[in-house]
Amino acid sequence: MSRHPTVSADSLLRQDVALDSLNTLRLPARAAWFAAVDDVDGLRAVLDDPRVAGLPRLVIGGGSNLVLTGDFPGLVLHVAFHGRSRVQEDAEAFFVRAGGGENWHDFVRWTLEMGWPGLENLSLIPGTVGAAPVQNIGAYGIEMAEHFYSLRAYDLETGKTVGFDKRDCAFGYRDSFFKQAGKGRYLIAAVTFRLPKAWKANTGYADVARELEARGINQPNALQVSDAVITIRRRKLPDPAEIGNAGSFFKNPVVDAAEHARLIALHPGLPSYPQPDGRIKLAAGWLIEQAGWKGRRLGPVGCYEKQALVLVNHGGATGADVIATSAAVRADVRARFGVELEPEPVFAGPAA
């Protein structure tokens, strides 16, 4: 049954709303129209309102992977779909669903506390559950896609609710159908994960192994892995509540074997990670640091002093400042290594 059987767009739609607090880079921007929606009835009421008909739309969650390049001239939809539950169980796995507006880290910790491991390496990644499939978030040897089962999304063009399985989502490295052919068309209402009962700790990343060793833990459980990851992230990465940032700003570039051989001959210390398809992933943070950008800033935006992969807003930055610094970092890495860096965040605004 609908929670809002007589919902009216008038109670949801607002004009000229500041978005500064809804993006973790803390960039100034305003939405011509704004609505926080927590169910399909409310969403439909908003989209059916003639005042926003035909306007461009932007769906946001936690705003942690977003660069606002200026005021948004259309309708911003803030996903507030909540709820989390175990929806199914079989001999091999638990199936757990969460609303698209649920905080990702809180959801991960809840699954672990309930005894359903699998997502622990993805602890403390900022953002919402609904944004996780868009980006195919990943950290410390795991990508979200490994435990993804399905999702339900609202098609903003047809007005229908659509189901997606893993194949439909076309997951790639920090990529998915929702960043490509489906970009801007869907609002992800709920995501279901398959968490296998045959669990084994993934401690292949050196940082995780070292942190567990320092704690005297040889055979960690999932909560202990999560605790270690949280400690590492807090030590290395800036807290968006303290300094504006969007997390890792650039993807780790992936090159073929010939290009990797060229780079290693010139730069023997280059961290490299072989991929299943024979290509090699490079450490973007190392490339940026070697190009002289760690702790360096261009106006109010710079690379974080503890992790060059993260761009931070030191105060007063605009979207144009972020674009300028990103372009300067990419140019210097290209000039030194011949490698092209690709930004991770979504860019949105009048000219994005």
Protein backbone atom coordinates (compact mmCIF):
# COMPACT_ATOMS: atom_id res chain seq x y z
CA MET A 1 0.00 0.00 0.00
CA SER A 2 1.25 3.51 -0.78
CA ARG A 3 2.44 5.54 2.18
CA HIS A 4 1.26 8.73 0.42
CA PRO A 5 -2.05 7.86 -1.28
CA THR A 6 -2.90 11.54 -1.85
CA VAL A 7 0.60 12.93 -2.18
CA SER A 8 0.81 16.33 -3.83
CA ALA A 9 3.78 17.76 -5.71
CA ASP A 10 3.16 21.04 -3.86
CA SER A 11 4.38 19.42 -0.64
CA LEU A 12 7.56 18.16 -2.30
CA LEU A 13 8.63 20.67 -4.95
CA ARG A 14 10.73 23.66 -3.94
CA GLN A 15 12.21 26.44 -6.04
CA ASP A 16 15.71 27.96 -6.00
CA VAL A 17 17.28 25.56 -3.49
CA ALA A 18 20.94 25.75 -2.41
CA LEU A 19 22.89 22.54 -3.09
CA ASP A 20 26.05 23.46 -1.15
CA SER A 21 25.29 21.01 1.67
CA LEU A 22 24.20 18.27 -0.74
CA ASN A 23 27.60 17.77 -2.38
CA THR A 24 30.66 16.70 -0.40
CA LEU A 25 32.99 19.01 -2.33
CA ARG A 26 30.89 21.84 -0.82
CA LEU A 27 30.64 23.62 -4.16
CA PRO A 28 28.14 26.49 -4.40
CA ALA A 29 25.20 25.84 -6.69
CA ARG A 30 21.44 26.22 -6.73
CA ALA A 31 18.69 24.10 -8.23
CA ALA A 32 15.91 25.84 -10.14
CA TRP A 33 13.59 23.13 -8.78
CA PHE A 34 14.24 20.54 -6.06
CA ALA A 35 12.38 17.59 -4.53
CA ALA A 36 13.40 14.99 -1.97
CA VAL A 37 11.46 11.82 -2.84
CA ASP A 38 11.06 8.79 -0.60
CA ASP A 39 8.66 6.63 -2.58
CA VAL A 40 7.39 6.09 -6.12
CA ASP A 41 4.07 7.89 -5.53
CA GLY A 42 5.87 11.06 -4.49
CA LEU A 43 8.27 10.75 -7.41
CA ARG A 44 5.42 10.36 -9.90
CA ALA A 45 3.59 13.35 -8.46
CA VAL A 46 6.68 15.50 -8.88
CA LEU A 47 7.41 14.35 -12.42
CA ASP A 48 3.77 14.85 -13.46
CA ASP A 49 3.78 18.46 -12.30
CA PRO A 50 3.57 20.78 -15.33
CA ARG A 51 5.95 23.27 -13.72
CA VAL A 52 8.89 20.90 -14.23
CA ALA A 53 7.76 19.25 -17.45
CA GLY A 54 10.52 19.17 -20.03
CA LEU A 55 13.20 20.46 -17.68
CA PRO A 56 16.59 18.70 -17.37
CA ARG A 57 16.83 16.38 -14.37
CA LEU A 58 19.62 15.48 -11.99
CA VAL A 59 19.37 12.59 -9.53
CA ILE A 60 21.57 12.90 -6.44
CA GLY A 61 22.14 10.77 -3.37
CA GLY A 62 24.87 11.69 -0.91
CA GLY A 63 26.55 13.99 -3.42
CA SER A 64 29.90 12.32 -2.75
CA ASN A 65 30.77 11.63 -6.37
CA LEU A 66 29.51 14.87 -7.84
CA VAL A 67 31.07 18.04 -9.24
CA LEU A 68 28.56 20.85 -9.57
CA THR A 69 29.85 23.16 -12.28
CA GLY A 70 27.26 25.84 -11.53
CA ASP A 71 23.55 26.34 -10.91
CA PHE A 72 21.39 23.51 -12.23
CA PRO A 73 18.67 24.90 -14.52
CA GLY A 74 16.21 22.04 -14.05
CA LEU A 75 14.86 19.62 -11.46
CA VAL A 76 17.14 18.03 -8.86
CA LEU A 77 15.73 14.81 -7.39
CA HIS A 78 17.22 13.88 -4.03
CA VAL A 79 16.83 10.13 -3.43
CA ALA A 80 15.41 9.43 0.04
CA PHE A 81 14.13 5.86 -0.44
CA HIS A 82 14.88 4.02 2.80
CA GLY A 83 14.52 0.60 4.38
CA ARG A 84 16.74 -2.48 4.60
CA SER A 85 15.94 -6.15 5.08
CA ARG A 86 16.90 -9.72 4.30
CA VAL A 87 14.53 -10.69 1.52
CA GLN A 88 15.65 -14.23 0.76
CA GLU A 89 18.03 -16.99 1.81
CA ASP A 90 19.16 -20.19 0.16
CA ALA A 91 21.77 -22.82 0.94
CA GLU A 92 24.57 -20.66 -0.45
CA ALA A 93 23.76 -17.02 0.28
CA PHE A 94 21.76 -14.31 2.01
CA PHE A 95 19.92 -11.81 -0.20
CA VAL A 96 19.75 -8.37 1.38
CA ARG A 97 17.91 -5.32 0.01
CA ALA A 98 18.31 -1.64 0.86
CA GLY A 99 16.59 1.53 -0.30
CA GLY A 100 18.54 3.75 -2.68
CA GLY A 101 18.71 6.56 -0.14
CA GLU A 102 20.28 4.47 2.63
CA ASN A 103 23.75 5.56 3.75
CA TRP A 104 26.21 3.07 2.23
CA HIS A 105 28.54 2.70 5.20
CA ASP A 106 25.68 2.33 7.68
CA PHE A 107 24.21 -0.37 5.45
CA VAL A 108 27.54 -2.23 5.25
CA ARG A 109 27.99 -2.19 9.03
CA TRP A 110 24.41 -3.36 9.51
CA THR A 111 24.97 -6.38 7.24
CA LEU A 112 28.08 -7.31 9.20
CA GLU A 113 26.40 -6.92 12.56
CA MET A 114 23.58 -9.15 11.31
CA GLY A 115 26.13 -11.83 10.40
CA TRP A 116 26.04 -11.40 6.61
CA PRO A 117 29.64 -10.72 5.51
CA GLY A 118 30.94 -9.78 2.09
CA LEU A 119 30.90 -5.99 1.88
CA GLU A 120 33.41 -5.28 4.67
CA ASN A 121 36.22 -4.06 2.37
CA LEU A 122 33.84 -1.36 1.13
CA SER A 123 33.39 0.16 4.59
CA LEU A 124 33.38 3.95 5.02
CA ILE A 125 32.97 4.70 1.33
CA PRO A 126 30.81 7.84 1.31
CA GLY A 127 27.51 8.00 -0.51
CA THR A 128 24.27 6.07 -0.73
CA VAL A 129 23.25 2.54 -1.64
CA GLY A 130 21.59 3.78 -4.83
CA ALA A 131 24.77 5.45 -6.03
CA ALA A 132 26.91 2.34 -5.47
CA PRO A 133 25.86 0.52 -8.68
CA VAL A 134 26.18 3.68 -10.79
CA GLN A 135 29.85 3.96 -9.93
CA ASN A 136 30.45 0.26 -9.23
CA ILE A 137 32.29 1.37 -6.12
CA GLY A 138 35.35 -0.56 -5.05
CA ALA A 139 38.18 -0.59 -2.54
CA TYR A 140 40.85 -2.87 -1.13
CA GLY A 141 40.44 -5.66 -3.64
CA ILE A 142 36.65 -5.78 -3.95
CA GLU A 143 34.13 -4.17 -6.28
CA MET A 144 30.45 -3.83 -5.44
CA ALA A 145 29.56 -5.80 -8.58
CA GLU A 146 30.95 -8.98 -7.00
CA HIS A 147 28.06 -9.07 -4.52
CA PHE A 148 25.40 -7.28 -6.56
CA TYR A 149 22.27 -9.29 -7.36
CA SER A 150 19.63 -6.90 -8.75
CA LEU A 151 18.08 -3.46 -8.47
CA ARG A 152 14.80 -1.66 -9.04
CA ALA A 153 14.88 1.70 -10.77
CA TYR A 154 12.33 4.26 -11.88
CA ASP A 155 12.59 5.16 -15.57
CA LEU A 156 12.24 8.94 -15.67
CA GLU A 157 11.34 8.84 -19.36
CA THR A 158 8.62 6.18 -19.40
CA GLY A 159 7.38 6.45 -15.82
CA LYS A 160 7.78 2.70 -15.28
CA THR A 161 9.62 0.80 -12.57
CA VAL A 162 12.24 -1.46 -14.14
CA GLY A 163 14.28 -4.37 -12.78
CA PHE A 164 17.99 -4.78 -13.60
CA ASP A 165 20.18 -7.84 -13.06
CA LYS A 166 23.97 -7.85 -13.12
CA ARG A 167 24.20 -8.29 -16.89
CA ASP A 168 21.79 -5.41 -17.50
CA CYS A 169 23.98 -3.12 -15.41
CA ALA A 170 27.07 -3.74 -17.60
CA PHE A 171 29.46 -3.14 -14.72
CA GLY A 172 33.03 -2.11 -15.46
CA TYR A 173 35.83 -0.47 -13.53
CA ARG A 174 34.08 2.44 -11.77
CA ASP A 175 31.53 2.24 -14.53
CA SER A 176 28.08 0.90 -15.38
CA PHE A 177 25.16 1.22 -17.77
CA PHE A 178 23.97 4.09 -15.56
CA LYS A 179 27.04 6.18 -16.44
CA GLN A 180 26.82 5.30 -20.13
CA ALA A 181 23.67 4.59 -22.18
CA GLY A 182 21.40 4.97 -19.15
CA LYS A 183 22.98 8.17 -17.83
CA GLY A 184 20.42 10.51 -16.29
CA ARG A 185 17.45 8.33 -17.16
CA TYR A 186 16.95 6.25 -14.00
CA LEU A 187 16.44 6.80 -10.29
CA ILE A 188 17.62 3.73 -8.38
CA ALA A 189 15.03 2.96 -5.72
CA ALA A 190 16.42 -0.23 -4.16
CA VAL A 191 19.38 -2.59 -4.52
CA THR A 192 19.62 -6.28 -3.59
CA PHE A 193 22.94 -7.92 -2.75
CA ARG A 194 23.88 -11.60 -2.69
CA LEU A 195 26.15 -12.27 0.30
CA PRO A 196 27.63 -15.80 0.20
CA LYS A 197 27.62 -17.96 3.31
CA ALA A 198 31.01 -19.45 2.37
CA TRP A 199 32.96 -16.35 3.37
CA LYS A 200 36.71 -15.81 3.31
CA ALA A 201 38.49 -12.62 4.35
CA ASN A 202 40.01 -10.64 1.51
CA THR A 203 43.23 -9.21 2.96
CA GLY A 204 45.27 -9.16 -0.24
CA TYR A 205 45.92 -5.43 -0.06
CA ALA A 206 49.11 -4.71 1.87
CA ASP A 207 47.56 -1.89 3.91
CA VAL A 208 44.81 -4.17 5.19
CA ALA A 209 47.21 -7.01 5.99
CA ARG A 210 49.55 -4.63 7.86
CA GLU A 211 46.73 -3.10 9.89
CA LEU A 212 45.43 -6.51 10.95
CA GLU A 213 48.95 -7.67 11.80
CA ALA A 214 49.47 -4.57 13.92
CA ARG A 215 46.34 -5.54 15.83
CA GLY A 216 47.61 -9.08 16.33
CA ILE A 217 44.80 -10.59 14.25
CA ASN A 218 45.77 -13.56 12.08
CA GLN A 219 42.33 -14.90 11.17
CA PRO A 220 40.02 -11.89 11.08
CA ASN A 221 36.28 -11.98 10.98
CA ALA A 222 34.36 -9.62 8.72
CA LEU A 223 33.84 -6.95 11.38
CA GLN A 224 37.57 -6.93 12.13
CA VAL A 225 38.35 -6.44 8.43
CA SER A 226 35.83 -3.61 8.35
CA ASP A 227 37.40 -2.00 11.42
CA ALA A 228 40.84 -2.20 9.78
CA VAL A 229 39.56 -0.64 6.56
CA ILE A 230 37.87 2.16 8.51
CA THR A 231 41.12 2.94 10.34
CA ILE A 232 43.11 2.99 7.10
CA ARG A 233 40.62 5.24 5.32
CA ARG A 234 40.48 7.69 8.23
CA ARG A 235 44.26 7.81 8.34
CA LYS A 236 44.73 8.36 4.61
CA LEU A 237 41.63 10.17 3.37
CA PRO A 238 40.06 13.50 4.35
CA ASP A 239 36.71 13.58 6.12
CA PRO A 240 34.18 15.46 3.91
CA ALA A 241 32.70 16.90 7.11
CA GLU A 242 36.02 18.66 7.75
CA ILE A 243 37.28 19.50 4.27
CA GLY A 244 35.33 19.37 1.02
CA ASN A 245 36.24 16.46 -1.24
CA ALA A 246 34.72 13.83 -3.50
CA GLY A 247 36.99 10.95 -2.50
CA SER A 248 39.25 9.47 -5.15
CA PHE A 249 38.96 11.92 -8.03
CA PHE A 250 40.69 9.93 -10.79
CA LYS A 251 40.32 6.35 -11.95
CA ASN A 252 43.39 4.13 -11.85
CA PRO A 253 44.35 3.90 -15.54
CA VAL A 254 44.46 0.49 -17.20
CA VAL A 255 47.03 -0.09 -19.97
CA ASP A 256 48.02 -2.95 -22.25
CA ALA A 257 51.14 -5.05 -21.72
CA ALA A 258 53.23 -3.16 -24.28
CA GLU A 259 52.45 0.21 -22.74
CA HIS A 260 53.16 -1.18 -19.27
CA ALA A 261 56.54 -2.49 -20.42
CA ARG A 262 57.40 0.97 -21.76
CA LEU A 263 56.43 2.65 -18.51
CA ILE A 264 58.25 0.16 -16.26
CA ALA A 265 61.44 0.57 -18.29
CA LEU A 266 61.30 4.31 -17.61
CA HIS A 267 59.83 4.17 -14.09
CA PRO A 268 60.79 0.90 -12.32
CA GLY A 269 58.96 1.89 -9.12
CA LEU A 270 55.55 2.23 -10.77
CA PRO A 271 52.96 0.23 -8.76
CA SER A 272 51.17 -2.15 -11.14
CA TYR A 273 48.30 -4.60 -10.75
CA PRO A 274 47.69 -7.30 -13.41
CA GLN A 275 44.04 -7.68 -14.45
CA PRO A 276 42.18 -10.84 -15.52
CA ASP A 277 42.04 -9.63 -19.15
CA GLY A 278 45.83 -9.34 -19.39
CA ARG A 279 45.95 -5.59 -19.03
CA ILE A 280 47.64 -3.81 -16.13
CA LYS A 281 46.11 -1.31 -13.74
CA LEU A 282 48.38 1.57 -12.67
CA ALA A 283 48.22 3.54 -9.41
CA ALA A 284 46.87 6.97 -10.33
CA GLY A 285 47.86 8.36 -6.93
CA TRP A 286 51.50 7.41 -7.53
CA LEU A 287 51.47 9.01 -10.99
CA ILE A 288 50.01 12.23 -9.59
CA GLU A 289 52.46 12.31 -6.70
CA GLN A 290 55.42 11.75 -9.04
CA ALA A 291 54.14 14.61 -11.18
CA GLY A 292 54.56 16.88 -8.16
CA TRP A 293 50.96 17.34 -7.13
CA LYS A 294 50.74 15.75 -3.67
CA GLY A 295 49.86 18.56 -1.27
CA ARG A 296 49.98 21.12 -4.09
CA ARG A 297 47.10 23.46 -4.84
CA LEU A 298 45.94 25.67 -7.66
CA GLY A 299 43.91 28.42 -6.03
CA PRO A 300 41.39 26.96 -3.57
CA VAL A 301 41.56 23.39 -4.96
CA GLY A 302 44.49 21.02 -4.55
CA CYS A 303 45.60 17.43 -4.07
CA TYR A 304 45.33 16.17 -0.52
CA GLU A 305 48.58 16.14 1.42
CA LYS A 306 48.18 12.50 2.48
CA GLN A 307 46.70 11.08 -0.74
CA ALA A 308 47.33 12.76 -4.09
CA LEU A 309 44.38 10.96 -5.68
CA VAL A 310 41.94 13.14 -3.74
CA LEU A 311 41.12 16.72 -4.78
CA VAL A 312 40.09 18.93 -1.86
CA ASN A 313 38.31 22.25 -1.56
CA HIS A 314 40.38 24.37 0.82
CA GLY A 315 37.51 26.86 0.98
CA GLY A 316 35.59 29.04 -1.41
CA ALA A 317 36.08 26.87 -4.49
CA THR A 318 33.67 26.74 -7.41
CA GLY A 319 33.09 24.03 -9.98
CA ALA A 320 35.33 25.98 -12.36
CA ASP A 321 38.19 25.76 -9.83
CA VAL A 322 37.80 21.98 -9.61
CA ILE A 323 37.79 21.67 -13.40
CA ALA A 324 40.92 23.84 -13.68
CA THR A 325 42.89 21.86 -11.09
CA SER A 326 41.75 18.54 -12.53
CA ALA A 327 42.87 19.64 -16.00
CA ALA A 328 46.26 20.80 -14.68
CA VAL A 329 46.87 17.48 -12.88
CA ARG A 330 45.90 15.50 -15.96
CA ALA A 331 48.16 17.60 -18.19
CA ASP A 332 51.19 17.10 -15.94
CA VAL A 333 50.66 13.34 -15.69
CA ARG A 334 50.21 13.15 -19.45
CA ALA A 335 53.39 15.15 -20.05
CA ARG A 336 55.51 13.05 -17.70
CA PHE A 337 54.14 9.56 -18.32
CA GLY A 338 52.09 9.68 -21.51
CA VAL A 339 49.15 8.33 -19.50
CA GLU A 340 45.65 9.79 -19.62
CA LEU A 341 43.77 10.13 -16.34
CA GLU A 342 39.98 9.99 -16.28
CA PRO A 343 37.95 11.68 -13.54
CA GLU A 344 35.62 9.48 -11.48
CA PRO A 345 32.89 11.94 -10.45
CA VAL A 346 29.80 12.95 -12.36
CA PHE A 347 29.86 16.57 -13.57
CA ALA A 348 26.56 18.44 -13.52
CA GLY A 349 25.54 22.03 -14.15
CA PRO A 350 24.61 24.44 -16.90
CA ALA A 351 27.39 23.34 -19.24
CA ALA A 352 28.18 19.85 -17.94
